Protein backbone atom coordinates (compact mmCIF):
# COMPACT_ATOMS: atom_id res chain seq x y z
CA MET A 1 -0.04 -0.01 0.01
CA ALA A 2 1.54 3.18 -1.19
CA LEU A 3 1.94 5.99 1.41
CA ASN A 4 3.01 9.61 1.36
CA ILE A 5 2.69 9.86 -2.37
CA ASN A 6 2.99 13.66 -2.84
CA LYS A 7 5.07 16.47 -1.62
CA ASP A 8 3.48 19.45 0.14
CA THR A 9 3.94 21.56 -2.97
CA VAL A 10 1.34 19.45 -4.85
CA TYR A 11 -1.37 20.19 -2.29
CA ARG A 12 -0.39 23.83 -2.03
CA ALA A 13 -0.56 24.37 -5.72
CA ALA A 14 -3.97 22.57 -6.18
CA LYS A 15 -6.64 24.90 -7.75
CA PRO A 16 -10.38 24.56 -7.65
CA LYS A 17 -12.28 23.10 -10.65
CA ASP A 18 -15.89 22.85 -11.68
CA LYS A 19 -16.35 19.90 -9.32
CA ASP A 20 -14.79 18.76 -6.05
CA TYR A 21 -11.85 16.44 -6.71
CA PHE A 22 -9.58 14.20 -4.58
CA ILE A 23 -5.74 14.15 -4.43
CA SER A 24 -4.67 10.86 -2.90
CA ASP A 25 -1.74 10.78 -0.49
CA GLY A 26 -2.03 7.02 -0.28
CA GLY A 27 -3.22 4.64 2.50
CA GLY A 28 -6.78 6.15 2.44
CA LEU A 29 -5.68 9.79 3.01
CA SER A 30 -6.73 12.35 0.45
CA LEU A 31 -7.06 16.11 0.10
CA VAL A 32 -10.44 17.10 -1.13
CA VAL A 33 -10.25 20.31 -3.15
CA GLY A 34 -13.72 21.95 -3.35
CA LYS A 35 -14.99 23.94 -6.26
CA ASN A 36 -15.17 26.93 -3.90
CA GLY A 37 -11.44 26.57 -3.15
CA THR A 38 -11.59 24.81 0.17
CA LYS A 39 -9.05 22.02 0.91
CA ILE A 40 -10.02 19.35 3.51
CA TRP A 41 -8.15 16.33 4.51
CA LYS A 42 -10.32 13.10 4.33
CA PHE A 43 -9.50 9.60 5.45
CA ILE A 44 -11.50 6.91 3.63
CA PHE A 45 -11.51 3.35 5.11
CA THR A 46 -13.56 0.22 5.27
CA PHE A 47 -14.51 -1.33 8.69
CA GLU A 48 -16.56 -4.51 9.06
CA GLY A 49 -17.62 -4.22 5.39
CA LYS A 50 -18.79 -0.65 5.59
CA ARG A 51 -17.10 2.24 3.80
CA LYS A 52 -16.53 5.32 6.10
CA LYS A 53 -14.91 8.73 6.11
CA LEU A 54 -13.16 10.85 8.64
CA SER A 55 -12.28 14.50 8.28
CA PHE A 56 -8.78 15.51 9.58
CA GLY A 57 -9.07 19.30 9.20
CA VAL A 58 -8.69 22.09 6.72
CA TYR A 59 -5.44 22.50 4.82
CA PRO A 60 -3.05 24.34 5.41
CA ASP A 61 -4.21 24.90 8.97
CA THR A 62 -3.84 21.07 9.38
CA THR A 63 -0.47 20.44 7.76
CA LEU A 64 0.48 17.48 5.61
CA GLU A 65 2.56 16.09 8.44
CA SER A 66 -0.35 16.40 10.85
CA ALA A 67 -2.73 14.77 8.51
CA ARG A 68 -0.40 11.85 7.92
CA ARG A 69 0.04 11.29 11.66
CA LYS A 70 -3.76 11.20 12.09
CA ALA A 71 -4.04 8.80 9.18
CA GLU A 72 -1.33 6.47 10.72
CA ASP A 73 -3.18 6.52 14.11
CA ALA A 74 -6.49 5.62 12.36
CA ARG A 75 -4.84 2.76 10.40
CA GLN A 76 -3.38 1.40 13.72
CA GLN A 77 -6.86 1.52 15.38
CA ILE A 78 -8.33 -0.37 12.45
CA SER A 79 -5.52 -2.96 12.68
CA ASP A 80 -6.26 -3.34 16.42
CA GLY A 81 -10.01 -3.96 15.61
CA PHE A 82 -11.38 -0.57 16.55
CA ASP A 83 -13.41 1.77 14.38
CA PRO A 84 -11.60 5.16 14.39
CA SER A 85 -14.86 7.02 13.65
CA GLU A 86 -16.46 5.51 16.83
CA ALA A 87 -13.30 6.31 18.79
CA ARG A 88 -13.62 9.87 17.61
CA LYS A 89 -17.25 10.06 18.73
CA ALA A 90 -16.27 8.67 22.14
CA ILE A 91 -13.64 11.28 22.55
CA LYS A 92 -16.00 13.99 21.47
CA ALA A 93 -18.64 12.73 23.84
CA ALA A 94 -16.11 12.58 26.74
CA ARG A 95 -15.08 16.16 25.94
CA GLN A 96 -18.67 17.22 25.97
CA VAL A 97 -19.23 15.51 29.40
CA THR A 98 -16.12 17.13 30.74
CA LYS A 99 -17.37 20.56 29.64
CA SER A 100 -20.87 19.87 30.98
CA ASN A 101 -19.49 18.68 34.25
CA ASP A 102 -17.24 21.81 34.57
CA GLU A 103 -20.31 23.88 34.11
CA ARG A 104 -22.28 21.84 36.59
CA THR A 105 -19.62 22.08 39.17
CA LYS A 106 -19.37 25.86 38.83
CA ALA A 107 -23.20 25.91 39.29
CA GLY A 108 -22.97 23.72 42.39
CA LEU A 109 -24.58 20.66 40.71
CA PRO A 110 -23.24 17.07 40.85
CA ILE A 111 -21.27 15.47 38.07
CA ILE A 112 -23.30 13.52 35.56
CA ASP A 113 -23.81 9.83 36.43
CA SER A 114 -21.77 10.33 39.61
CA PHE A 115 -22.86 8.92 42.99
CA ALA A 116 -24.09 12.31 43.95
CA ASP A 117 -26.08 12.65 40.74
CA ILE A 118 -27.80 9.26 41.03
CA THR A 119 -28.38 9.92 44.79
CA ARG A 120 -30.29 13.10 43.96
CA GLN A 121 -32.37 11.28 41.45
CA TRP A 122 -33.13 8.48 43.94
CA LEU A 123 -34.03 10.92 46.71
CA SER A 124 -36.40 12.70 44.35
CA SER A 125 -37.99 9.33 43.46
CA ILE A 126 -38.78 8.53 47.09
CA ALA A 127 -39.73 12.05 48.35
CA HIS A 128 -43.45 11.18 48.23
CA LEU A 129 -42.97 8.01 50.29
CA THR A 130 -41.42 9.70 53.41
CA SER A 131 -42.16 12.66 55.58
CA SER A 132 -40.31 15.95 54.88
CA THR A 133 -38.47 15.56 58.19
CA THR A 134 -37.33 12.02 57.44
CA HIS A 135 -36.41 12.87 53.89
CA THR A 136 -34.32 15.87 55.20
CA LYS A 137 -32.57 13.68 57.72
CA LYS A 138 -31.81 11.05 55.02
CA THR A 139 -30.43 13.62 52.65
CA SER A 140 -28.31 15.26 55.27
CA ARG A 141 -26.82 11.87 56.44
CA ILE A 142 -25.80 10.91 52.84
CA GLU A 143 -24.42 14.29 52.03
CA ARG A 144 -22.36 14.55 55.20
CA LEU A 145 -21.04 11.01 55.47
CA ALA A 146 -21.02 9.52 51.95
CA PHE A 147 -20.45 12.45 49.50
CA PRO A 148 -16.91 13.36 50.69
CA ILE A 149 -15.70 9.92 49.49
CA LEU A 150 -18.29 8.74 46.94
CA GLY A 151 -19.88 11.99 45.62
CA ASP A 152 -17.82 12.71 42.55
CA LYS A 153 -17.05 9.08 41.61
CA PRO A 154 -18.91 7.62 38.60
CA ILE A 155 -21.41 5.25 40.16
CA SER A 156 -20.33 2.41 37.88
CA GLU A 157 -16.74 2.63 39.08
CA ILE A 158 -17.44 2.57 42.85
CA LYS A 159 -15.98 -0.47 44.62
CA SER A 160 -16.92 -2.21 47.85
CA SER A 161 -13.69 -0.87 49.37
CA ASP A 162 -14.94 2.72 48.69
CA ILE A 163 -18.17 2.07 50.57
CA LEU A 164 -16.29 0.46 53.45
CA ALA A 165 -14.12 3.49 53.65
CA VAL A 166 -17.34 5.59 54.22
CA LEU A 167 -18.58 3.36 56.95
CA LYS A 168 -15.29 2.69 58.76
CA PRO A 169 -15.25 5.87 60.79
CA LEU A 170 -18.76 5.21 62.01
CA ILE A 171 -17.77 1.64 63.07
CA HIS A 172 -14.75 2.86 64.88
CA LYS A 173 -16.81 5.42 66.76
CA HIS A 174 -19.35 2.67 67.60
CA GLN A 175 -22.09 4.60 65.77
CA LEU A 176 -23.49 1.38 64.57
CA GLU A 177 -27.07 2.43 64.10
CA THR A 178 -25.95 5.21 61.82
CA ALA A 179 -23.64 2.86 59.92
CA HIS A 180 -26.48 0.39 59.28
CA ARG A 181 -28.83 3.17 58.20
CA LEU A 182 -26.29 4.70 55.86
CA HIS A 183 -25.38 1.29 54.44
CA ALA A 184 -29.02 0.55 53.73
CA GLU A 185 -29.47 3.90 51.91
CA ILE A 186 -26.37 3.37 49.79
CA SER A 187 -27.65 -0.13 48.82
CA SER A 188 -31.01 1.47 47.88
CA ILE A 189 -29.26 4.03 45.77
CA PHE A 190 -27.46 1.22 43.87
CA ALA A 191 -30.72 -0.66 43.45
CA TYR A 192 -32.14 2.43 41.83
CA ALA A 193 -29.01 2.76 39.62
CA ILE A 194 -29.17 -0.91 38.52
CA VAL A 195 -32.83 -0.64 37.60
CA HIS A 196 -32.19 2.57 35.58
CA ASN A 197 -29.18 1.08 33.79
CA PHE A 198 -26.47 3.29 35.40
CA THR A 199 -24.65 0.24 36.72
CA ASP A 200 -24.81 -3.54 36.82
CA TYR A 201 -23.83 -4.36 40.41
CA ASP A 202 -24.42 -3.31 44.01
CA PRO A 203 -20.94 -3.12 45.64
CA SER A 204 -22.48 -2.42 49.03
CA GLN A 205 -23.68 -6.08 49.39
CA PRO A 206 -20.28 -7.58 50.52
CA VAL A 207 -19.85 -4.76 52.93
CA ALA A 208 -22.90 -5.61 55.03
CA LYS A 209 -21.06 -8.33 57.01
CA GLN A 210 -18.35 -5.90 57.91
CA ILE A 211 -20.61 -3.84 60.12
CA PRO A 212 -20.92 -5.29 63.59
CA ALA A 213 -24.44 -6.21 64.68
CA GLN A 214 -26.01 -3.51 66.86
CA LYS A 215 -26.83 -4.50 70.41
CA VAL A 216 -30.21 -3.21 71.40
CA LYS A 217 -29.77 -0.67 74.08
CA HIS A 218 -32.84 -0.07 76.23
CA ARG A 219 -33.31 3.48 77.48
CA ALA A 220 -33.16 3.73 81.26
CA ALA A 221 -36.46 4.34 83.08
CA ILE A 222 -37.74 4.41 86.56
CA ILE A 223 -40.71 2.03 87.07
CA ASP A 224 -40.87 1.68 90.83
CA PRO A 225 -43.93 3.75 92.02
CA LYS A 226 -42.15 5.19 95.08
CA ALA A 227 -39.10 6.17 92.97
CA VAL A 228 -41.50 7.69 90.38
CA GLY A 229 -43.03 9.77 93.12
CA GLN A 230 -39.61 11.03 94.22
CA LEU A 231 -38.77 11.88 90.58
CA LEU A 232 -41.94 13.89 90.31
CA ARG A 233 -41.22 15.82 93.49
CA ASP A 234 -37.70 16.52 92.15
CA ILE A 235 -39.22 17.81 88.88
CA SER A 236 -41.54 20.20 90.63
CA ASN A 237 -38.57 21.63 92.47
CA TYR A 238 -36.49 22.11 89.33
CA ASN A 239 -35.17 25.63 89.04
CA GLY A 240 -34.79 26.03 85.31
CA THR A 241 -36.57 28.56 83.11
CA PHE A 242 -40.38 28.53 83.13
CA VAL A 243 -40.40 27.09 79.60
CA VAL A 244 -38.18 24.20 80.52
CA GLN A 245 -40.03 23.73 83.82
CA SER A 246 -43.30 23.39 81.91
CA ALA A 247 -41.97 20.99 79.39
CA PHE A 248 -40.37 18.93 82.16
CA ARG A 249 -43.57 18.69 84.13
CA LEU A 250 -45.60 17.82 81.06
CA SER A 251 -43.32 15.00 79.91
CA PRO A 252 -44.49 12.30 82.38
CA LEU A 253 -48.18 13.37 81.90
CA LEU A 254 -48.14 12.83 78.04
CA PHE A 255 -45.31 10.28 77.71
CA GLN A 256 -44.83 11.05 74.01
CA ARG A 257 -41.43 11.07 72.36
CA PRO A 258 -39.17 13.81 73.64
CA GLY A 259 -38.69 15.30 70.15
CA GLU A 260 -42.49 15.54 69.70
CA ILE A 261 -42.99 17.32 73.10
CA ARG A 262 -40.15 19.86 72.54
CA GLN A 263 -41.49 20.59 69.06
CA MET A 264 -45.08 20.96 70.16
CA LEU A 265 -47.00 23.44 68.07
CA TRP A 266 -49.63 25.83 69.49
CA SER A 267 -51.61 25.21 66.19
CA ASP A 268 -51.92 21.50 67.17
CA VAL A 269 -53.18 22.25 70.67
CA ASP A 270 -56.90 22.65 71.43
CA LEU A 271 -57.27 23.48 75.08
CA ASP A 272 -61.12 23.70 74.84
CA ALA A 273 -61.30 20.16 73.40
CA MET A 274 -58.41 19.09 75.74
CA GLU A 275 -56.52 17.55 72.84
CA TRP A 276 -53.18 17.79 71.28
CA LYS A 277 -52.98 16.58 67.67
CA PRO A 278 -49.33 16.24 66.44
CA TYR A 279 -48.10 14.70 63.29
CA ILE A 280 -45.89 11.80 64.20
CA SER A 281 -43.14 11.62 61.58
CA LYS A 282 -41.61 8.35 62.96
CA THR A 283 -44.84 6.37 62.24
CA ASP A 284 -46.20 8.77 59.68
CA PHE A 285 -49.73 9.50 61.00
CA HIS A 286 -51.70 12.18 62.75
CA HIS A 287 -52.03 11.40 66.44
CA ILE A 288 -54.55 12.47 69.03
CA VAL A 289 -53.21 12.95 72.58
CA PRO A 290 -56.06 13.54 75.08
CA LEU A 291 -55.04 16.10 77.69
CA SER A 292 -55.74 15.67 81.37
CA ARG A 293 -56.85 18.56 83.52
CA GLN A 294 -53.28 18.72 84.81
CA ALA A 295 -51.77 18.94 81.36
CA VAL A 296 -54.19 21.68 80.31
CA CYS A 297 -53.31 23.60 83.48
CA ILE A 298 -49.61 23.52 82.55
CA LEU A 299 -50.37 24.64 79.01
CA GLU A 300 -52.76 27.41 80.07
CA ALA A 301 -49.99 28.72 82.44
CA ILE A 302 -47.34 28.91 79.64
CA LYS A 303 -49.67 30.30 76.88
CA PRO A 304 -49.36 33.94 77.92
CA LEU A 305 -45.58 33.63 77.58
CA THR A 306 -45.24 31.63 74.35
CA GLY A 307 -48.79 31.58 72.89
CA ASN A 308 -48.10 34.20 70.24
CA GLY A 309 -45.28 32.16 68.73
CA VAL A 310 -45.15 28.89 66.83
CA TYR A 311 -43.76 26.53 69.41
CA VAL A 312 -45.10 25.92 72.93
CA PHE A 313 -41.59 25.40 74.20
CA PRO A 314 -39.34 27.73 72.07
CA SER A 315 -35.60 27.91 72.25
CA SER A 316 -34.25 30.44 74.85
CA ARG A 317 -32.08 31.85 72.06
CA GLY A 318 -35.11 33.47 70.44
CA ASP A 319 -34.06 32.14 67.02
CA GLY A 320 -37.48 30.78 66.07
CA ARG A 321 -36.54 27.14 66.78
CA PRO A 322 -37.92 24.80 69.40
CA MET A 323 -36.27 23.93 72.69
CA SER A 324 -33.04 21.89 72.27
CA ASP A 325 -33.29 18.13 72.17
CA ASN A 326 -30.72 17.97 75.11
CA THR A 327 -32.80 20.19 77.43
CA ILE A 328 -34.78 17.62 79.33
CA ARG A 329 -31.81 15.20 79.41
CA THR A 330 -29.69 18.05 80.95
CA ALA A 331 -32.53 18.91 83.39
CA LEU A 332 -32.68 15.24 84.59
CA LYS A 333 -28.89 15.19 85.00
CA SER A 334 -28.98 18.39 87.04
CA LEU A 335 -31.36 16.70 89.46
CA GLY A 336 -29.00 13.75 89.86
CA TYR A 337 -30.58 11.35 87.38
CA GLU A 338 -27.79 10.00 85.19
CA SER A 339 -28.66 8.43 81.81
CA ASP A 340 -28.23 4.98 83.20
CA VAL A 341 -31.05 5.69 85.67
CA MET A 342 -33.61 7.86 83.92
CA THR A 343 -33.84 9.45 80.42
CA ALA A 344 -36.22 11.75 78.66
CA HIS A 345 -37.52 8.80 76.65
CA GLY A 346 -37.90 6.82 79.79
CA PHE A 347 -41.19 8.53 80.67
CA ARG A 348 -42.65 6.34 77.93
CA THR A 349 -41.40 3.19 79.55
CA THR A 350 -42.56 4.33 82.97
CA ALA A 351 -46.07 4.96 81.73
CA SER A 352 -46.29 1.80 79.57
CA THR A 353 -45.10 -0.41 82.36
CA LEU A 354 -47.34 0.94 85.18
CA LEU A 355 -50.42 1.38 82.99
CA ASN A 356 -50.14 -2.25 81.92
CA GLU A 357 -49.81 -3.26 85.49
CA GLN A 358 -52.96 -1.33 86.31
CA GLY A 359 -54.91 -3.39 83.72
CA TRP A 360 -55.48 -0.83 80.98
CA SER A 361 -55.93 -2.24 77.50
CA PRO A 362 -52.58 -2.90 75.91
CA ASP A 363 -54.03 -1.78 72.59
CA ALA A 364 -55.07 1.56 74.09
CA ILE A 365 -51.67 2.02 75.71
CA GLU A 366 -49.83 1.20 72.49
CA ARG A 367 -52.08 3.57 70.56
CA GLN A 368 -51.34 6.37 73.12
CA LEU A 369 -47.59 5.70 72.73
CA ALA A 370 -48.10 6.41 68.97
CA HIS A 371 -47.17 2.85 68.02
CA SER A 372 -49.52 3.06 65.04
CA PRO A 373 -50.03 0.21 62.67
CA ARG A 374 -48.79 0.92 59.14
CA ASP A 375 -52.22 -0.20 57.73
CA GLN A 376 -54.04 3.16 57.48
CA VAL A 377 -57.52 1.45 57.63
CA ARG A 378 -56.51 -0.32 60.82
CA ALA A 379 -54.97 2.86 62.20
CA ALA A 380 -58.24 4.77 61.59
CA TYR A 381 -60.25 1.90 63.20
CA ASN A 382 -58.01 1.91 66.29
CA ARG A 383 -58.23 5.63 66.57
CA ALA A 384 -62.00 5.48 66.76
CA GLN A 385 -62.02 2.40 69.05
CA TYR A 386 -59.63 3.57 71.71
CA LEU A 387 -59.98 7.25 71.92
CA ASP A 388 -62.70 7.33 74.70
CA GLU A 389 -60.72 4.80 76.69
CA ARG A 390 -57.53 6.85 76.17
CA ARG A 391 -59.26 10.02 77.59
CA ARG A 392 -60.17 8.09 80.66
CA MET A 393 -56.73 6.54 80.86
CA MET A 394 -54.88 9.81 80.51
CA GLN A 395 -56.87 11.47 83.30
CA ALA A 396 -56.50 8.41 85.55
CA TRP A 397 -52.78 8.47 84.86
CA ALA A 398 -52.41 12.18 85.80
CA ASP A 399 -54.38 11.58 89.01
CA TYR A 400 -52.24 8.61 89.76
CA LEU A 401 -49.04 10.60 89.29
CA ASP A 402 -50.42 13.32 91.62
CA GLY A 403 -50.90 10.65 94.21
CA LEU A 404 -47.32 9.41 93.84
CA LYS A 405 -45.98 12.93 93.98
CA SER A 406 -47.84 13.68 97.18
CA GLY A 407 -46.29 10.54 98.72
CA ALA A 408 -49.62 8.87 99.15
CA GLN A 409 -49.85 5.12 99.38
CA VAL A 410 -51.29 4.60 95.88
CA ILE A 411 -52.85 1.17 95.33
CA GLN A 412 -52.98 0.07 91.74
CA PHE A 413 -56.48 -1.19 91.27
CA PRO A 414 -57.39 -2.55 87.84
CA ARG A 415 -59.27 0.02 85.73
CA GLN A 416 -63.02 0.09 85.64
CA ALA A 417 -64.54 -0.85 82.26
C-alpha cells in the first residue's frame, strides 16, 4: 500500500475546478479540493464491510505532516480492531461530558452519572414516600457522610472498598445504628442505579457483613412507684426557666417522644377540646393525645408567655426554633438522674409499664404511645375504637401521678370498664 505519495507543494498548488476532486496521498488519506477553493483532509476506510470517512481538518491549518500522523493513528486503530470514527465520537462525547461537568460544578450541581447525581435522582423518586423531616435527615446523612468519598465518583466505578471507607469511621466510633442506616441507603441508591441502567452491580452487598451487629440498648427508666413519686417531686422543684419547667412537668403526663414534646406546636393544641394533635413523623400518622386537666393547666400557664409564637416550648435563644433536644436530658442530670437511671425517653417506659400493671388495655396503651399500625385502615379503626378509653386513661394516669408525687400510698386497682 503506497503511502505519502505527494510532496506538500502538490497540495499547496492545487486549484479549484468545476467539481470537487480528490488528491490521494495514499493509505486512504486524500485532500479534497472543493470547487469553492476549500481544501479538507479526508481519510477513507472500510470497517466490518462498511465504507466510512473521517475529516482531519482544513489545509493548510492542518499540515500535511499532521494529517499523515492522524491517518497513521487511524490505520493502527483499524489494525487493532477498533473503528476510528467511533473512537472519535467517544472522545467528542467525553469532552462534552467534561465541559458539561465543569459547568455543573461551577453551578453547584453534581457530576453527571456520579454517585451524587444518582443519589439526587433516587431521593427525588422517594420523596413522596417519606415525611419531609425524614427525607431531610436522610439527605443530610448521605451528604455529610457519603459524599466526601463517593460523591464525585462515577457510580459504575465505585468499589466495595470505597463504601467500606465511608462506613469505617462510624464503626470505629461505635455509631453502629448510623452505619447500618447509611449502608441501607447506599444499597437502595445502587438498586435504583441498577434498575435505571447506570450500573450492573451493587458493591455495598459484600460490605454488610463488615458492620458489627448493633446491640439493642434499652433506654433507662424508673418504674418503681415510690421512685417515680420522688422523681416527680424533684421535677416540681427544678429551678430552670419557666419554659423548661413546663416541658419537664408535662413529659410524664403525656409520655410522648421527647422530640415531639419539645416541638409541640400551638396550632396543634386545642385546650377547649383538651386535645393535642401532633403529626408523628416516625410512624407517619396524625396522632390524638387527650389532655388531662393537669396537662391543660400547665399549657394554660405557659400560653401567655409563648402563645403568640409557633412553638409551645421555644428555644431560649429566640431564634425561632424549638427547645433543644438535650434540654430535658440536661435537666434530669442536674437533678442527679444520670442516663443509666432515667432518660427523657424513659417517661414512655414508665407509663407503659405501670399502665399495663394497672390493667389498661394494651392496645389503648400502644395507641397512646403512637405505636400506630402501618395499615391506615386499621389505624383509623384503632383511633376511633380507643379514643374514649384513652381519655379516661390519661386522666386516671395524671391523677395517679399526683398521688405518687404527694407521697400517698397509691394502690394500683385494675381500671374500671
